[in-house]
C-alpha atoms as a PDB file:
ATOM      1  CA  MET A   1    -138.188  92.486 -27.560  1.00  0.00           C
ATOM      2  CA  SER A   2    -138.819  90.601 -24.407  1.00  0.00           C
ATOM      3  CA  ALA A   3    -137.850  86.966 -23.829  1.00  0.00           C
ATOM      4  CA  ALA A   4    -141.458  86.103 -23.730  1.00  0.00           C
ATOM      5  CA  ALA A   5    -142.125  87.682 -26.967  1.00  0.00           C
ATOM      6  CA  LYS A   6    -139.202  85.985 -28.894  1.00  0.00           C
ATOM      7  CA  GLY A   7    -139.546  82.609 -27.059  1.00  0.00           C
ATOM      8  CA  PRO A   8    -136.750  80.336 -25.924  1.00  0.00           C
ATOM      9  CA  GLY A   9    -133.394  80.237 -27.584  1.00  0.00           C
ATOM     10  CA  VAL A  10    -129.954  78.653 -27.488  1.00  0.00           C
ATOM     11  CA  GLY A  11    -128.016  78.381 -24.333  1.00  0.00           C
ATOM     12  CA  TYR A  12    -128.289  77.756 -20.758  1.00  0.00           C
ATOM     13  CA  SER A  13    -130.318  80.388 -18.901  1.00  0.00           C
ATOM     14  CA  LEU A  14    -128.771  82.643 -16.291  1.00  0.00           C
ATOM     15  CA  ARG A  15    -132.084  82.784 -14.502  1.00  0.00           C
ATOM     16  CA  ILE A  16    -131.124  79.543 -12.652  1.00  0.00           C
ATOM     17  CA  THR A  17    -129.640  81.975 -10.030  1.00  0.00           C
ATOM     18  CA  ASP A  18    -132.809  83.569  -9.134  1.00  0.00           C
ATOM     19  CA  PRO A  19    -133.750  83.459  -5.422  1.00  0.00           C
ATOM     20  CA  ALA A  20    -137.051  81.871  -6.192  1.00  0.00           C
ATOM     21  CA  PHE A  21    -135.424  78.655  -6.742  1.00  0.00           C
ATOM     22  CA  SER A  22    -133.844  78.617  -3.309  1.00  0.00           C
ATOM     23  CA  ARG A  23    -137.157  79.622  -1.844  1.00  0.00           C
ATOM     24  CA  TYR A  24    -138.671  76.773  -3.586  1.00  0.00           C
ATOM     25  CA  LEU A  25    -136.280  74.281  -2.475  1.00  0.00           C
ATOM     26  CA  LYS A  26    -136.484  75.444   1.143  1.00  0.00           C
ATOM     27  CA  LYS A  27    -140.262  75.412   1.115  1.00  0.00           C
ATOM     28  CA  THR A  28    -140.512  71.898  -0.363  1.00  0.00           C
ATOM     29  CA  GLY A  29    -137.758  70.718   2.093  1.00  0.00           C
ATOM     30  CA  ARG A  30    -139.611  71.926   4.960  1.00  0.00           C
ATOM     31  CA  TYR A  31    -142.910  70.317   3.606  1.00  0.00           C
ATOM     32  CA  PHE A  32    -140.969  66.958   3.145  1.00  0.00           C
ATOM     33  CA  THR A  33    -139.534  67.098   6.661  1.00  0.00           C
ATOM     34  CA  VAL A  34    -143.104  67.766   8.200  1.00  0.00           C
ATOM     35  CA  ILE A  35    -144.584  65.032   6.320  1.00  0.00           C
ATOM     36  CA  THR A  36    -141.696  62.481   7.181  1.00  0.00           C
ATOM     37  CA  LEU A  37    -141.860  63.741  10.903  1.00  0.00           C
ATOM     38  CA  ILE A  38    -145.595  63.064  10.955  1.00  0.00           C
ATOM     39  CA  LEU A  39    -145.275  59.573   9.338  1.00  0.00           C
ATOM     40  CA  ALA A  40    -142.677  58.670  11.861  1.00  0.00           C
ATOM     41  CA  VAL A  41    -144.468  59.691  14.922  1.00  0.00           C
ATOM     42  CA  LEU A  42    -147.848  58.132  13.342  1.00  0.00           C
ATOM     43  CA  SER A  43    -146.015  54.680  12.867  1.00  0.00           C
ATOM     44  CA  ILE A  44    -144.813  54.829  16.469  1.00  0.00           C
ATOM     45  CA  VAL A  45    -148.132  55.838  18.004  1.00  0.00           C
ATOM     46  CA  GLY A  46    -149.989  53.532  15.771  1.00  0.00           C
ATOM     47  CA  PHE A  47    -147.931  50.419  16.583  1.00  0.00           C
ATOM     48  CA  PHE A  48    -148.067  51.191  20.297  1.00  0.00           C
ATOM     49  CA  ILE A  49    -151.873  51.489  20.088  1.00  0.00           C
ATOM     50  CA  TYR A  50    -152.145  48.243  18.112  1.00  0.00           C
ATOM     51  CA  GLY A  51    -149.768  46.422  20.767  1.00  0.00           C
ATOM     52  CA  GLU A  52    -152.030  47.703  23.501  1.00  0.00           C
ATOM     53  CA  ILE A  53    -155.423  46.658  21.895  1.00  0.00           C
ATOM     54  CA  GLY A  54    -154.645  44.316  19.059  1.00  0.00           C
ATOM     55  CA  THR A  55    -154.698  40.640  19.191  1.00  0.00           C
ATOM     56  CA  GLY A  56    -151.857  40.006  16.737  1.00  0.00           C
ATOM     57  CA  MET A  57    -149.030  41.291  18.635  1.00  0.00           C
ATOM     58  CA  SER A  58    -148.253  42.911  22.018  1.00  0.00           C
ATOM     59  CA  ASN A  59    -146.017  45.530  23.316  1.00  0.00           C
ATOM     60  CA  PRO A  60    -142.901  45.928  23.449  1.00  0.00           C
ATOM     61  CA  GLY A  61    -142.735  44.002  20.153  1.00  0.00           C
ATOM     62  CA  SER A  62    -145.249  46.138  18.464  1.00  0.00           C
ATOM     63  CA  ILE A  63    -143.716  49.411  19.439  1.00  0.00           C
ATOM     64  CA  ILE A  64    -140.325  48.172  18.454  1.00  0.00           C
ATOM     65  CA  ILE A  65    -141.707  47.643  14.942  1.00  0.00           C
ATOM     66  CA  GLY A  66    -143.292  51.208  14.916  1.00  0.00           C
ATOM     67  CA  ILE A  67    -139.879  52.683  16.107  1.00  0.00           C
ATOM     68  CA  LEU A  68    -138.066  50.775  13.327  1.00  0.00           C
ATOM     69  CA  LEU A  69    -140.569  52.076  10.883  1.00  0.00           C
ATOM     70  CA  GLY A  70    -140.116  55.691  12.194  1.00  0.00           C
ATOM     71  CA  ILE A  71    -136.452  55.290  11.822  1.00  0.00           C
ATOM     72  CA  PHE A  72    -136.890  54.153   8.221  1.00  0.00           C
ATOM     73  CA  PHE A  73    -139.074  57.248   7.345  1.00  0.00           C
ATOM     74  CA  LEU A  74    -136.259  59.388   8.869  1.00  0.00           C
ATOM     75  CA  ALA A  75    -133.577  57.804   6.949  1.00  0.00           C
ATOM     76  CA  ILE A  76    -135.540  58.425   3.718  1.00  0.00           C
ATOM     77  CA  ALA A  77    -135.711  62.218   4.522  1.00  0.00           C
ATOM     78  CA  PHE A  78    -131.929  62.233   5.518  1.00  0.00           C
ATOM     79  CA  PHE A  79    -130.774  60.504   2.350  1.00  0.00           C
ATOM     80  CA  ASN A  80    -133.086  62.960   0.292  1.00  0.00           C
ATOM     81  CA  PHE A  81    -131.593  65.766   1.825  1.00  0.00           C
ATOM     82  CA  LEU A  82    -127.985  64.534   1.571  1.00  0.00           C
ATOM     83  CA  GLY A  83    -128.592  63.648  -2.158  1.00  0.00           C
ATOM     84  CA  ARG A  84    -129.617  67.114  -2.985  1.00  0.00           C
ATOM     85  CA  GLN A  85    -126.551  68.691  -0.995  1.00  0.00           C
ATOM     86  CA  MET A  86    -123.983  66.279  -2.919  1.00  0.00           C
ATOM     87  CA  SER A  87    -125.753  66.783  -6.183  1.00  0.00           C
ATOM     88  CA  LYS A  88    -123.482  68.542  -8.773  1.00  0.00           C
ATOM     89  CA  THR A  89    -124.230  70.696 -11.880  1.00  0.00           C
ATOM     90  CA  TRP A  90    -122.939  68.972 -15.045  1.00  0.00           C
ATOM     91  CA  ASP A  91    -123.374  69.218 -18.716  1.00  0.00           C
ATOM     92  CA  GLY A  92    -123.891  66.179 -21.227  1.00  0.00           C
ATOM     93  CA  THR A  93    -125.835  64.676 -24.191  1.00  0.00           C
ATOM     94  CA  VAL A  94    -128.880  62.610 -24.130  1.00  0.00           C
ATOM     95  CA  GLU A  95    -127.796  59.258 -25.505  1.00  0.00           C
ATOM     96  CA  ASP A  96    -130.949  57.050 -24.993  1.00  0.00           C
ATOM     97  CA  LYS A  97    -134.351  57.004 -23.677  1.00  0.00           C
ATOM     98  CA  LYS A  98    -136.590  54.153 -22.363  1.00  0.00           C
ATOM     99  CA  ILE A  99    -139.875  53.569 -20.983  1.00  0.00           C
ATOM    100  CA  LYS A 100    -140.246  50.758 -18.488  1.00  0.00           C
ATOM    101  CA  ARG A 101    -143.475  48.948 -17.376  1.00  0.00           C
ATOM    102  CA  ARG A 102    -143.552  48.458 -13.602  1.00  0.00           C
ATOM    103  CA  THR A 103    -146.135  45.956 -12.008  1.00  0.00           C
ATOM    104  CA  GLN A 104    -147.953  47.706  -9.325  1.00  0.00           C
ATOM    105  CA  ASP A 105    -150.226  44.826  -8.107  1.00  0.00           C
ATOM    106  CA  HIS A 106    -149.222  41.245  -9.040  1.00  0.00           C
ATOM    107  CA  GLU A 107    -152.646  39.989  -8.202  1.00  0.00           C
ATOM    108  CA  THR A 108    -154.566  42.361 -10.671  1.00  0.00           C
ATOM    109  CA  GLY A 109    -151.684  42.854 -13.056  1.00  0.00           C
ATOM    110  CA  SER A 110    -151.954  46.592 -12.773  1.00  0.00           C
ATOM    111  CA  SER A 111    -149.109  48.591 -13.935  1.00  0.00           C
ATOM    112  CA  TYR A 112    -147.569  51.933 -14.709  1.00  0.00           C
ATOM    113  CA  LEU A 113    -144.879  53.402 -16.890  1.00  0.00           C
ATOM    114  CA  VAL A 114    -141.539  54.868 -15.654  1.00  0.00           C
ATOM    115  CA  TYR A 115    -139.639  57.191 -17.966  1.00  0.00           C
ATOM    116  CA  PHE A 116    -135.860  57.122 -18.129  1.00  0.00           C
ATOM    117  CA  ILE A 117    -133.512  59.366 -20.106  1.00  0.00           C
ATOM    118  CA  TYR A 118    -129.857  58.270 -20.287  1.00  0.00           C
ATOM    119  CA  VAL A 119    -127.323  61.166 -20.475  1.00  0.00           C
ATOM    120  CA  ARG A 120    -123.551  60.951 -20.890  1.00  0.00           C
ATOM    121  CA  SER A 121    -121.779  63.728 -19.070  1.00  0.00           C
ATOM    122  CA  ASP A 122    -118.881  65.602 -20.577  1.00  0.00           C
ATOM    123  CA  SER A 123    -116.625  63.917 -18.143  1.00  0.00           C
ATOM    124  CA  GLY A 124    -117.875  60.464 -19.533  1.00  0.00           C
ATOM    125  CA  ARG A 125    -120.221  59.353 -16.751  1.00  0.00           C
ATOM    126  CA  LYS A 126    -123.586  57.873 -17.851  1.00  0.00           C
ATOM    127  CA  HIS A 127    -126.347  59.173 -15.742  1.00  0.00           C
ATOM    128  CA  LYS A 128    -129.944  57.442 -15.736  1.00  0.00           C
ATOM    129  CA  VAL A 129    -132.415  60.259 -15.092  1.00  0.00           C
ATOM    130  CA  LYS A 130    -136.003  59.397 -14.299  1.00  0.00           C
ATOM    131  CA  VAL A 131    -138.580  61.887 -15.562  1.00  0.00           C
ATOM    132  CA  THR A 132    -141.951  62.420 -14.490  1.00  0.00           C
ATOM    133  CA  GLY A 133    -144.445  61.725 -17.355  1.00  0.00           C
ATOM    134  CA  GLU A 134    -144.717  61.241 -21.075  1.00  0.00           C
ATOM    135  CA  ALA A 135    -144.774  65.122 -21.933  1.00  0.00           C
ATOM    136  CA  LEU A 136    -141.194  65.736 -20.162  1.00  0.00           C
ATOM    137  CA  TYR A 137    -139.894  62.266 -21.736  1.00  0.00           C
ATOM    138  CA  ASP A 138    -140.985  63.565 -25.206  1.00  0.00           C
ATOM    139  CA  TYR A 139    -139.423  66.871 -24.601  1.00  0.00           C
ATOM    140  CA  TYR A 140    -135.930  65.576 -24.553  1.00  0.00           C
ATOM    141  CA  GLN A 141    -134.474  64.118 -27.568  1.00  0.00           C
ATOM    142  CA  ILE A 142    -131.517  61.824 -28.256  1.00  0.00           C
ATOM    143  CA  GLY A 143    -128.609  64.072 -29.292  1.00  0.00           C
ATOM    144  CA  ASP A 144    -129.811  67.009 -27.073  1.00  0.00           C
ATOM    145  CA  ARG A 145    -127.154  68.882 -25.099  1.00  0.00           C
ATOM    146  CA  VAL A 146    -128.405  69.258 -21.557  1.00  0.00           C
ATOM    147  CA  ARG A 147    -127.286  70.754 -18.112  1.00  0.00           C
ATOM    148  CA  HIS A 148    -128.175  68.948 -14.879  1.00  0.00           C
ATOM    149  CA  HIS A 149    -128.876  71.557 -12.278  1.00  0.00           C
ATOM    150  CA  ALA A 150    -127.525  70.713  -8.615  1.00  0.00           C
ATOM    151  CA  LYS A 151    -130.122  70.419  -5.845  1.00  0.00           C
ATOM    152  CA  LEU A 152    -133.118  70.902  -8.304  1.00  0.00           C
ATOM    153  CA  LYS A 153    -131.781  67.686  -9.896  1.00  0.00           C
ATOM    154  CA  THR A 154    -133.405  68.494 -13.112  1.00  0.00           C
ATOM    155  CA  LEU A 155    -132.371  68.950 -16.758  1.00  0.00           C
ATOM    156  CA  GLU A 156    -132.299  71.925 -18.927  1.00  0.00           C
ATOM    157  CA  LYS A 157    -131.981  71.829 -22.638  1.00  0.00           C
ATOM    158  CA  TYR A 158    -129.329  73.904 -24.473  1.00  0.00           C
ATOM    159  CA  ASP A 159    -131.317  74.575 -27.516  1.00  0.00           C
ATOM    160  CA  LYS A 160    -134.849  75.279 -26.794  1.00  0.00           C
ATOM    161  CA  ARG A 161    -135.651  76.912 -30.113  1.00  0.00           C
ATOM    162  CA  GLY A 162    -139.057  75.638 -31.617  1.00  0.00           C
ATOM    163  CA  ALA A 163    -140.386  74.462 -28.111  1.00  0.00           C
ATOM    164  CA  GLU A 164    -144.033  75.260 -27.549  1.00  0.00           C
ATOM    165  CA  HIS A 165    -143.907  74.520 -23.880  1.00  0.00           C
ATOM    166  CA  LEU A 166    -141.075  74.471 -21.364  1.00  0.00           C
ATOM    167  CA  PRO A 167    -140.833  72.397 -18.199  1.00  0.00           C
ATOM    168  CA  CYS A 168    -140.328  74.159 -15.001  1.00  0.00           C
ATOM    169  CA  ASN A 169    -137.142  73.308 -13.454  1.00  0.00           C
ATOM    170  CA  ALA A 170    -138.452  73.423 -10.020  1.00  0.00           C
ATOM    171  CA  CYS A 171    -141.862  71.680  -9.950  1.00  0.00           C
ATOM    172  CA  GLY A 172    -141.730  70.058 -13.426  1.00  0.00           C
ATOM    173  CA  SER A 173    -144.953  71.603 -14.688  1.00  0.00           C
ATOM    174  CA  PHE A 174    -145.103  72.406 -18.326  1.00  0.00           C
ATOM    175  CA  ASN A 175    -145.643  75.900 -19.133  1.00  0.00           C
ATOM    176  CA  SER A 176    -146.431  77.912 -22.525  1.00  0.00           C
ATOM    177  CA  ILE A 177    -143.209  79.548 -23.814  1.00  0.00           C
ATOM    178  CA  ALA A 178    -145.156  82.879 -23.389  1.00  0.00           C
ATOM    179  CA  ASN A 179    -144.824  82.685 -19.820  1.00  0.00           C
ATOM    180  CA  ASP A 180    -141.774  84.012 -18.027  1.00  0.00           C
ATOM    181  CA  TYR A 181    -142.840  82.413 -14.733  1.00  0.00           C
ATOM    182  CA  CYS A 182    -144.278  78.870 -13.869  1.00  0.00           C
ATOM    183  CA  PHE A 183    -148.079  79.017 -13.424  1.00  0.00           C
ATOM    184  CA  GLN A 184    -147.681  76.500 -10.613  1.00  0.00           C
ATOM    185  CA  CYS A 185    -144.711  77.325  -8.435  1.00  0.00           C
ATOM    186  CA  LYS A 186    -143.952  81.033  -9.579  1.00  0.00           C
ATOM    187  CA  CYS A 187    -140.281  80.095 -10.288  1.00  0.00           C
ATOM    188  CA  PRO A 188    -138.899  81.591 -13.361  1.00  0.00           C
ATOM    189  CA  LEU A 189    -138.605  79.526 -16.614  1.00  0.00           C
ATOM    190  CA  LEU A 190    -135.213  78.811 -17.883  1.00  0.00           C
ATOM    191  CA  LYS A 191    -135.501  80.036 -21.542  1.00  0.00           C
END
């Protein structure tokens, strides 16, 4: 009987070593780097043009702001890369879950929800894991054993029995348990 036919079970999947995950990380890393470089160049060029034709600030003051903003974008990319490289694989238990409301615009009062799962690793360290969306938040329950996968920076449940959908550990999309691969990014699902 295939894994898709019997559904997810108990244990951490050995499919995490599939080369598709490395390809996904490489592709998204390249995409993030290109976007960051474009933003850095646009901020420098944009502030230079503003300094030349705008009335609020002239060059070199304007271009200095553009350069600083460009450096800021590059620093974000560097620390994102560094964080992925330094990320470790660890096991733990979900201890708490919280939903926090964040204000997006103080004038209009518009807000959005941010979902957090608190996991105590086997070494005793408490980790605050931000998850994307209500579906992923609801997927994990207090008491669940989980594994945090390095570089992907995602959690995998140890006991997946009874689950109707599984999150993709690469892109976060929810997939039917009948799928062996994510419909969105084509990485294997960790069943």
